N, C-alpha and C. Protein backbone atom coordinates (compact mmCIF):
# COMPACT_ATOMS: atom_id res chain seq x y z
N UNK A 1 0.85 -1.17 0.00
CA UNK A 1 0.00 0.00 0.00
C UNK A 1 0.90 1.23 0.00
N UNK A 2 0.59 2.18 -0.87
CA UNK A 2 1.39 3.40 -0.92
C UNK A 2 0.73 4.53 -0.13
N UNK A 3 1.41 5.66 -0.05
CA UNK A 3 0.94 6.80 0.74
C UNK A 3 -0.43 7.31 0.27
N UNK A 4 -0.63 7.36 -1.02
CA UNK A 4 -1.92 7.85 -1.55
C UNK A 4 -3.05 6.91 -1.17
N UNK A 5 -2.83 5.60 -1.30
CA UNK A 5 -3.85 4.62 -0.92
C UNK A 5 -4.17 4.72 0.57
N UNK A 6 -3.15 4.89 1.39
CA UNK A 6 -3.37 5.01 2.83
C UNK A 6 -4.14 6.29 3.16
N UNK A 7 -3.80 7.38 2.51
CA UNK A 7 -4.54 8.63 2.74
C UNK A 7 -6.00 8.47 2.32
N UNK A 8 -6.25 7.74 1.23
CA UNK A 8 -7.63 7.50 0.79
C UNK A 8 -8.39 6.66 1.81
N UNK A 9 -7.73 5.65 2.38
CA UNK A 9 -8.38 4.83 3.42
C UNK A 9 -8.74 5.72 4.62
N UNK A 10 -7.80 6.55 5.06
CA UNK A 10 -8.06 7.44 6.20
C UNK A 10 -9.18 8.43 5.89
N UNK A 11 -9.14 9.03 4.73
CA UNK A 11 -10.17 10.00 4.34
C UNK A 11 -11.55 9.35 4.35
N UNK A 12 -11.67 8.17 3.77
CA UNK A 12 -12.96 7.47 3.73
C UNK A 12 -13.41 7.06 5.13
N UNK A 13 -12.50 6.56 5.94
CA UNK A 13 -12.83 6.18 7.31
C UNK A 13 -13.34 7.38 8.09
N UNK A 14 -12.67 8.51 7.96
CA UNK A 14 -13.05 9.70 8.71
C UNK A 14 -14.38 10.30 8.22
N UNK A 15 -14.70 10.12 6.95
CA UNK A 15 -15.99 10.58 6.44
C UNK A 15 -17.13 9.68 6.94
N UNK A 16 -16.88 8.38 7.05
CA UNK A 16 -17.90 7.41 7.46
C UNK A 16 -18.18 7.44 8.96
N UNK A 17 -17.15 7.67 9.76
CA UNK A 17 -17.28 7.57 11.21
C UNK A 17 -17.45 8.95 11.84
N UNK A 18 -18.27 9.01 12.86
CA UNK A 18 -18.52 10.28 13.54
C UNK A 18 -17.87 10.36 14.91
N UNK A 19 -17.52 9.20 15.48
CA UNK A 19 -16.97 9.17 16.83
C UNK A 19 -15.56 8.59 16.83
N UNK A 20 -14.75 9.12 17.75
CA UNK A 20 -13.40 8.63 17.97
C UNK A 20 -13.22 8.42 19.47
N UNK A 21 -12.28 7.57 19.83
CA UNK A 21 -11.89 7.40 21.22
C UNK A 21 -10.68 8.30 21.45
N UNK A 22 -10.84 9.28 22.30
CA UNK A 22 -9.77 10.20 22.66
C UNK A 22 -9.09 9.69 23.92
N UNK A 23 -7.76 9.59 23.89
CA UNK A 23 -7.00 9.20 25.08
C UNK A 23 -6.12 10.36 25.50
N UNK A 24 -6.24 10.71 26.78
CA UNK A 24 -5.44 11.76 27.38
C UNK A 24 -4.68 11.17 28.56
N UNK A 25 -3.82 11.97 29.15
CA UNK A 25 -3.00 11.49 30.27
C UNK A 25 -2.99 12.54 31.38
N UNK A 26 -3.17 12.08 32.61
CA UNK A 26 -3.05 12.95 33.78
C UNK A 26 -2.02 12.34 34.72
N UNK A 27 -1.77 13.01 35.82
CA UNK A 27 -0.85 12.47 36.82
C UNK A 27 -1.37 11.16 37.38
N UNK A 28 -2.69 11.00 37.41
CA UNK A 28 -3.30 9.77 37.94
C UNK A 28 -3.26 8.63 36.95
N UNK A 29 -3.08 8.93 35.67
CA UNK A 29 -3.01 7.88 34.66
C UNK A 29 -3.77 8.23 33.40
N UNK A 30 -3.90 7.26 32.49
CA UNK A 30 -4.59 7.50 31.22
C UNK A 30 -6.10 7.60 31.40
N UNK A 31 -6.73 8.29 30.45
CA UNK A 31 -8.18 8.47 30.47
C UNK A 31 -8.65 8.48 29.02
N UNK A 32 -9.71 7.73 28.73
CA UNK A 32 -10.27 7.66 27.37
C UNK A 32 -11.73 8.04 27.38
N UNK A 33 -12.17 8.68 26.30
CA UNK A 33 -13.57 9.08 26.18
C UNK A 33 -13.95 9.17 24.71
N UNK A 34 -15.23 9.08 24.45
CA UNK A 34 -15.73 9.23 23.08
C UNK A 34 -15.91 10.71 22.76
N UNK A 35 -15.51 11.08 21.55
CA UNK A 35 -15.72 12.45 21.07
C UNK A 35 -16.21 12.40 19.63
N UNK A 36 -17.06 13.34 19.28
CA UNK A 36 -17.43 13.53 17.89
C UNK A 36 -16.29 14.31 17.23
N UNK A 37 -15.90 13.92 16.02
CA UNK A 37 -14.72 14.53 15.42
C UNK A 37 -14.91 14.83 13.94
N UNK A 38 -14.04 15.68 13.45
CA UNK A 38 -13.92 15.94 12.02
C UNK A 38 -12.43 16.12 11.72
N UNK A 39 -12.02 15.76 10.53
CA UNK A 39 -10.62 15.92 10.12
C UNK A 39 -10.55 16.92 8.98
N UNK A 40 -9.44 17.64 8.91
CA UNK A 40 -9.24 18.52 7.77
C UNK A 40 -8.94 17.67 6.55
N UNK A 41 -9.19 18.23 5.39
CA UNK A 41 -9.02 17.49 4.14
C UNK A 41 -7.60 16.97 3.95
N UNK A 42 -6.61 17.72 4.41
CA UNK A 42 -5.21 17.32 4.27
C UNK A 42 -4.76 16.34 5.36
N UNK A 43 -5.66 15.99 6.28
CA UNK A 43 -5.43 15.05 7.38
C UNK A 43 -4.42 15.56 8.41
N UNK A 44 -4.05 16.83 8.36
CA UNK A 44 -3.08 17.37 9.31
C UNK A 44 -3.68 17.65 10.67
N UNK A 45 -5.00 17.84 10.72
CA UNK A 45 -5.66 18.19 11.98
C UNK A 45 -6.94 17.39 12.17
N UNK A 46 -7.19 17.03 13.42
CA UNK A 46 -8.46 16.43 13.81
C UNK A 46 -9.08 17.38 14.83
N UNK A 47 -10.36 17.65 14.64
CA UNK A 47 -11.09 18.60 15.48
C UNK A 47 -12.10 17.87 16.33
N UNK A 48 -12.27 18.33 17.57
CA UNK A 48 -13.34 17.84 18.43
C UNK A 48 -13.67 18.93 19.44
N UNK A 49 -14.79 18.76 20.11
CA UNK A 49 -15.25 19.77 21.06
C UNK A 49 -15.52 19.12 22.41
N UNK A 50 -15.31 19.90 23.45
CA UNK A 50 -15.64 19.45 24.80
C UNK A 50 -15.85 20.68 25.67
N UNK A 51 -16.62 20.52 26.72
CA UNK A 51 -16.75 21.63 27.65
C UNK A 51 -15.47 21.74 28.47
N UNK A 52 -15.19 22.94 28.91
CA UNK A 52 -13.95 23.19 29.66
C UNK A 52 -13.97 22.57 31.06
N UNK A 53 -15.11 22.11 31.51
CA UNK A 53 -15.22 21.52 32.85
C UNK A 53 -14.97 20.01 32.87
N UNK A 54 -14.58 19.43 31.74
CA UNK A 54 -14.40 17.98 31.68
C UNK A 54 -13.00 17.54 32.11
N UNK A 55 -12.91 16.30 32.48
CA UNK A 55 -11.61 15.69 32.83
C UNK A 55 -10.67 15.71 31.63
N UNK A 56 -11.19 15.42 30.45
CA UNK A 56 -10.31 15.39 29.27
C UNK A 56 -9.72 16.77 29.00
N UNK A 57 -10.52 17.82 29.19
CA UNK A 57 -10.00 19.18 28.97
C UNK A 57 -8.90 19.49 29.99
N UNK A 58 -9.13 19.14 31.24
CA UNK A 58 -8.11 19.38 32.28
C UNK A 58 -6.84 18.59 31.96
N UNK A 59 -7.00 17.35 31.53
CA UNK A 59 -5.83 16.54 31.17
C UNK A 59 -5.04 17.17 30.04
N UNK A 60 -5.73 17.66 29.00
CA UNK A 60 -5.04 18.25 27.86
C UNK A 60 -4.40 19.58 28.21
N UNK A 61 -4.95 20.28 29.19
CA UNK A 61 -4.34 21.53 29.65
C UNK A 61 -2.99 21.24 30.29
N UNK A 62 -2.90 20.14 31.02
CA UNK A 62 -1.65 19.75 31.67
C UNK A 62 -0.69 19.02 30.74
N UNK A 63 -1.23 18.25 29.80
CA UNK A 63 -0.41 17.44 28.90
C UNK A 63 -1.13 17.38 27.55
N UNK A 64 -0.61 18.10 26.59
CA UNK A 64 -1.27 18.23 25.28
C UNK A 64 -1.16 16.97 24.41
N UNK A 65 -0.33 16.01 24.80
CA UNK A 65 -0.17 14.79 24.00
C UNK A 65 -1.42 13.92 24.10
N UNK A 66 -1.98 13.57 22.95
CA UNK A 66 -3.20 12.75 22.90
C UNK A 66 -3.09 11.72 21.79
N UNK A 67 -4.01 10.76 21.84
CA UNK A 67 -4.21 9.88 20.70
C UNK A 67 -5.71 9.76 20.48
N UNK A 68 -6.08 9.54 19.24
CA UNK A 68 -7.47 9.31 18.86
C UNK A 68 -7.54 8.03 18.06
N UNK A 69 -8.48 7.19 18.39
CA UNK A 69 -8.70 5.94 17.66
C UNK A 69 -10.04 6.04 16.94
N UNK A 70 -9.99 5.79 15.63
CA UNK A 70 -11.20 5.75 14.81
C UNK A 70 -11.22 4.39 14.13
N UNK A 71 -12.36 3.71 14.18
CA UNK A 71 -12.45 2.40 13.54
C UNK A 71 -13.84 2.20 12.95
N UNK A 72 -13.95 1.17 12.12
CA UNK A 72 -15.23 0.89 11.47
C UNK A 72 -15.76 -0.50 11.81
N UNK A 73 -15.42 -1.00 12.97
CA UNK A 73 -15.86 -2.35 13.35
C UNK A 73 -17.37 -2.43 13.48
N UNK A 74 -17.88 -3.59 13.17
CA UNK A 74 -19.31 -3.85 13.29
C UNK A 74 -19.62 -4.85 14.37
N UNK A 75 -18.60 -5.27 15.11
CA UNK A 75 -18.73 -6.25 16.19
C UNK A 75 -19.23 -7.59 15.67
N UNK A 76 -18.66 -8.00 14.54
CA UNK A 76 -18.99 -9.32 14.01
C UNK A 76 -17.70 -10.02 13.53
N UNK A 77 -17.82 -11.28 13.13
CA UNK A 77 -16.65 -12.08 12.76
C UNK A 77 -15.86 -11.49 11.58
N UNK A 78 -16.54 -10.80 10.68
CA UNK A 78 -15.86 -10.22 9.52
C UNK A 78 -14.85 -9.14 9.91
N UNK A 79 -15.00 -8.57 11.11
CA UNK A 79 -14.08 -7.52 11.56
C UNK A 79 -12.63 -7.98 11.53
N UNK A 80 -12.39 -9.26 11.78
CA UNK A 80 -11.02 -9.75 11.82
C UNK A 80 -10.33 -9.65 10.46
N UNK A 81 -11.11 -9.52 9.39
CA UNK A 81 -10.54 -9.44 8.06
C UNK A 81 -10.86 -8.14 7.34
N UNK A 82 -11.92 -7.45 7.77
CA UNK A 82 -12.36 -6.27 7.03
C UNK A 82 -12.28 -4.96 7.80
N UNK A 83 -12.20 -5.02 9.11
CA UNK A 83 -12.19 -3.78 9.89
C UNK A 83 -10.90 -2.99 9.68
N UNK A 84 -11.04 -1.68 9.77
CA UNK A 84 -9.91 -0.75 9.68
C UNK A 84 -9.93 0.08 10.95
N UNK A 85 -8.75 0.27 11.55
CA UNK A 85 -8.61 1.13 12.72
C UNK A 85 -7.43 2.05 12.49
N UNK A 86 -7.62 3.31 12.83
CA UNK A 86 -6.55 4.30 12.69
C UNK A 86 -6.36 5.01 14.02
N UNK A 87 -5.12 5.06 14.48
CA UNK A 87 -4.77 5.82 15.66
C UNK A 87 -3.97 7.03 15.21
N UNK A 88 -4.42 8.21 15.62
CA UNK A 88 -3.70 9.45 15.34
C UNK A 88 -3.06 9.91 16.63
N UNK A 89 -1.78 10.24 16.57
CA UNK A 89 -1.09 10.79 17.73
C UNK A 89 -0.68 12.22 17.43
N UNK A 90 -0.72 13.06 18.47
CA UNK A 90 -0.33 14.45 18.27
C UNK A 90 -0.59 15.28 19.51
N UNK A 91 -0.62 16.58 19.31
CA UNK A 91 -0.83 17.54 20.39
C UNK A 91 -2.16 18.25 20.18
N UNK A 92 -2.91 18.38 21.28
CA UNK A 92 -4.23 19.04 21.23
C UNK A 92 -4.12 20.43 21.85
N UNK A 93 -4.66 21.42 21.15
CA UNK A 93 -4.74 22.77 21.69
C UNK A 93 -6.11 23.35 21.37
N UNK A 94 -6.54 24.26 22.21
CA UNK A 94 -7.80 24.93 21.94
C UNK A 94 -7.62 25.87 20.76
N UNK A 95 -8.60 25.86 19.85
CA UNK A 95 -8.55 26.70 18.66
C UNK A 95 -8.74 28.15 19.08
N UNK A 96 -7.87 29.01 18.55
CA UNK A 96 -7.92 30.44 18.86
C UNK A 96 -8.81 31.18 17.88
N UNK A 97 -9.19 32.38 18.25
CA UNK A 97 -10.14 33.18 17.47
C UNK A 97 -9.77 33.34 16.00
N UNK A 98 -8.47 33.58 15.71
CA UNK A 98 -8.10 33.89 14.33
C UNK A 98 -8.31 32.72 13.37
N UNK A 99 -8.35 31.49 13.87
CA UNK A 99 -8.57 30.34 12.99
C UNK A 99 -9.88 29.61 13.30
N UNK A 100 -10.62 30.10 14.28
CA UNK A 100 -11.78 29.35 14.75
C UNK A 100 -12.88 29.24 13.69
N UNK A 101 -13.17 30.31 12.98
CA UNK A 101 -14.27 30.28 12.02
C UNK A 101 -14.08 29.19 10.97
N UNK A 102 -12.90 29.12 10.37
CA UNK A 102 -12.64 28.14 9.33
C UNK A 102 -12.71 26.71 9.85
N UNK A 103 -12.11 26.46 11.03
CA UNK A 103 -12.13 25.12 11.59
C UNK A 103 -13.50 24.73 12.11
N UNK A 104 -14.22 25.70 12.66
CA UNK A 104 -15.58 25.45 13.11
C UNK A 104 -16.47 25.06 11.93
N UNK A 105 -16.27 25.69 10.79
CA UNK A 105 -17.04 25.33 9.60
C UNK A 105 -16.78 23.89 9.16
N UNK A 106 -15.52 23.44 9.25
CA UNK A 106 -15.19 22.05 8.91
C UNK A 106 -15.90 21.10 9.86
N UNK A 107 -15.85 21.43 11.16
CA UNK A 107 -16.48 20.59 12.17
C UNK A 107 -18.00 20.52 11.95
N UNK A 108 -18.62 21.67 11.73
CA UNK A 108 -20.08 21.71 11.59
C UNK A 108 -20.57 21.18 10.24
N UNK A 109 -19.71 21.18 9.24
CA UNK A 109 -20.10 20.57 7.96
C UNK A 109 -20.37 19.08 8.15
N UNK A 110 -19.56 18.45 8.98
CA UNK A 110 -19.73 17.03 9.25
C UNK A 110 -20.77 16.77 10.33
N UNK A 111 -20.85 17.65 11.33
CA UNK A 111 -21.67 17.43 12.52
C UNK A 111 -22.59 18.63 12.78
N UNK A 112 -23.46 18.96 11.85
CA UNK A 112 -24.28 20.18 11.98
C UNK A 112 -25.19 20.18 13.21
N UNK A 113 -25.61 19.03 13.67
CA UNK A 113 -26.51 18.92 14.82
C UNK A 113 -25.82 19.24 16.14
N UNK A 114 -24.50 19.46 16.11
CA UNK A 114 -23.77 19.84 17.33
C UNK A 114 -23.48 21.34 17.40
N UNK A 115 -24.14 22.12 16.54
CA UNK A 115 -23.87 23.56 16.49
C UNK A 115 -24.13 24.24 17.83
N UNK A 116 -25.24 23.97 18.46
CA UNK A 116 -25.56 24.62 19.74
C UNK A 116 -24.50 24.26 20.80
N UNK A 117 -24.09 23.00 20.81
CA UNK A 117 -23.08 22.55 21.77
C UNK A 117 -21.74 23.24 21.53
N UNK A 118 -21.24 23.18 20.30
CA UNK A 118 -19.90 23.66 20.01
C UNK A 118 -19.78 25.18 20.06
N UNK A 119 -20.89 25.89 19.89
CA UNK A 119 -20.84 27.35 19.95
C UNK A 119 -21.22 27.89 21.33
N UNK A 120 -21.48 27.02 22.27
CA UNK A 120 -21.78 27.45 23.63
C UNK A 120 -20.53 28.08 24.27
N UNK A 121 -20.71 29.08 25.13
CA UNK A 121 -19.55 29.74 25.76
C UNK A 121 -18.72 28.81 26.66
N UNK A 122 -19.30 27.72 27.12
CA UNK A 122 -18.57 26.79 27.99
C UNK A 122 -17.81 25.72 27.21
N UNK A 123 -17.98 25.70 25.89
CA UNK A 123 -17.40 24.67 25.05
C UNK A 123 -16.12 25.16 24.38
N UNK A 124 -15.16 24.26 24.25
CA UNK A 124 -13.91 24.56 23.55
C UNK A 124 -13.83 23.68 22.31
N UNK A 125 -13.44 24.28 21.20
CA UNK A 125 -13.12 23.53 19.99
C UNK A 125 -11.62 23.26 20.05
N UNK A 126 -11.24 22.00 19.96
CA UNK A 126 -9.84 21.63 20.04
C UNK A 126 -9.34 21.10 18.71
N UNK A 127 -8.07 21.32 18.49
CA UNK A 127 -7.41 20.91 17.25
C UNK A 127 -6.23 20.03 17.64
N UNK A 128 -6.22 18.82 17.11
CA UNK A 128 -5.06 17.94 17.30
C UNK A 128 -4.18 18.09 16.07
N UNK A 129 -2.96 18.51 16.29
CA UNK A 129 -1.97 18.57 15.22
C UNK A 129 -1.38 17.17 15.12
N UNK A 130 -1.79 16.45 14.09
CA UNK A 130 -1.43 15.04 13.96
C UNK A 130 0.04 14.91 13.56
N UNK A 131 0.73 14.06 14.30
CA UNK A 131 2.13 13.76 13.97
C UNK A 131 2.22 12.46 13.17
N UNK A 132 1.47 11.43 13.62
CA UNK A 132 1.53 10.13 12.96
C UNK A 132 0.16 9.44 13.00
N UNK A 133 -0.16 8.76 11.92
CA UNK A 133 -1.31 7.86 11.87
C UNK A 133 -0.76 6.44 11.84
N UNK A 134 -1.31 5.60 12.71
CA UNK A 134 -1.02 4.16 12.71
C UNK A 134 -2.31 3.49 12.27
N UNK A 135 -2.28 2.85 11.12
CA UNK A 135 -3.48 2.27 10.56
C UNK A 135 -3.33 0.75 10.47
N UNK A 136 -4.36 0.05 10.95
CA UNK A 136 -4.37 -1.40 10.93
C UNK A 136 -5.57 -1.86 10.11
N UNK A 137 -5.32 -2.75 9.16
CA UNK A 137 -6.41 -3.40 8.45
C UNK A 137 -6.06 -4.87 8.30
N UNK A 138 -7.04 -5.65 7.95
CA UNK A 138 -6.89 -7.11 7.86
C UNK A 138 -6.28 -7.67 9.13
N UNK A 139 -6.64 -7.09 10.27
CA UNK A 139 -6.30 -7.54 11.62
C UNK A 139 -4.84 -7.37 12.00
N UNK A 140 -3.91 -7.43 11.02
CA UNK A 140 -2.50 -7.35 11.40
C UNK A 140 -1.63 -6.56 10.44
N UNK A 141 -2.19 -5.98 9.42
CA UNK A 141 -1.43 -5.17 8.48
C UNK A 141 -1.34 -3.75 9.03
N UNK A 142 -0.16 -3.36 9.52
CA UNK A 142 0.02 -2.05 10.16
C UNK A 142 0.84 -1.14 9.26
N UNK A 143 0.34 0.07 9.05
CA UNK A 143 1.04 1.09 8.26
C UNK A 143 1.14 2.36 9.09
N UNK A 144 2.23 3.10 8.91
CA UNK A 144 2.40 4.39 9.57
C UNK A 144 2.45 5.47 8.52
N UNK A 145 1.79 6.58 8.81
CA UNK A 145 1.85 7.76 7.95
C UNK A 145 2.27 8.92 8.83
N UNK A 146 3.46 9.45 8.57
CA UNK A 146 3.98 10.57 9.34
C UNK A 146 3.60 11.86 8.63
N UNK A 147 3.00 12.78 9.37
CA UNK A 147 2.50 14.02 8.79
C UNK A 147 3.50 15.14 9.04
N UNK A 148 3.86 15.82 7.99
CA UNK A 148 4.77 16.95 8.09
C UNK A 148 3.96 18.24 8.15
N UNK A 149 4.28 19.09 9.10
CA UNK A 149 3.60 20.38 9.20
C UNK A 149 4.49 21.52 8.72
N UNK A 150 5.72 21.20 8.33
CA UNK A 150 6.62 22.21 7.82
C UNK A 150 6.34 22.51 6.35
N UNK A 151 5.91 21.50 5.63
CA UNK A 151 5.53 21.66 4.23
C UNK A 151 4.47 20.63 3.91
N UNK A 152 4.14 20.45 2.67
CA UNK A 152 3.06 19.54 2.32
C UNK A 152 3.51 18.09 2.18
N UNK A 153 4.77 17.79 2.49
CA UNK A 153 5.27 16.43 2.36
C UNK A 153 4.99 15.62 3.60
N UNK A 154 4.64 14.38 3.41
CA UNK A 154 4.54 13.42 4.51
C UNK A 154 5.12 12.11 4.00
N UNK A 155 5.54 11.25 4.88
CA UNK A 155 6.15 10.00 4.42
C UNK A 155 5.50 8.80 5.09
N UNK A 156 5.59 7.70 4.38
CA UNK A 156 4.93 6.46 4.75
C UNK A 156 5.97 5.45 5.21
N UNK A 157 5.62 4.69 6.26
CA UNK A 157 6.52 3.66 6.78
C UNK A 157 5.72 2.39 7.02
N UNK A 158 6.26 1.26 6.59
CA UNK A 158 5.62 -0.05 6.84
C UNK A 158 6.14 -0.62 8.13
């Protein structure tokens, strides 16, 4: 599988799925939760929203390193051969005013029914700057896609 094929798999997976498992880290240990997400077209960023009073928000304030898992499992026997799972690793930061409108539009294009939630004053829109995607398909075929934020180049590793 080449880089273009892997990007196509990720793009299709992210269009089909609405929820991801977000993993954060605190002094007490790891914490995972479901979040509704959207990805930018270039796959450099994953967006999600949470209220500032949540454990995940507090964890990310202390430690911006996160991972997100997105998969298409159906909880049946075919998953062992057909399911795809992608883990994105990177740093999460709250979106600032100067870029919020554009990223909010990407998020709401995919998840329009969350407009009231994401635009609430207590809610934060977060952006994960993706460093690497680890993608597994056919149960054991693992591919890595490293995302470059310095230019438009990214490289693929088996």
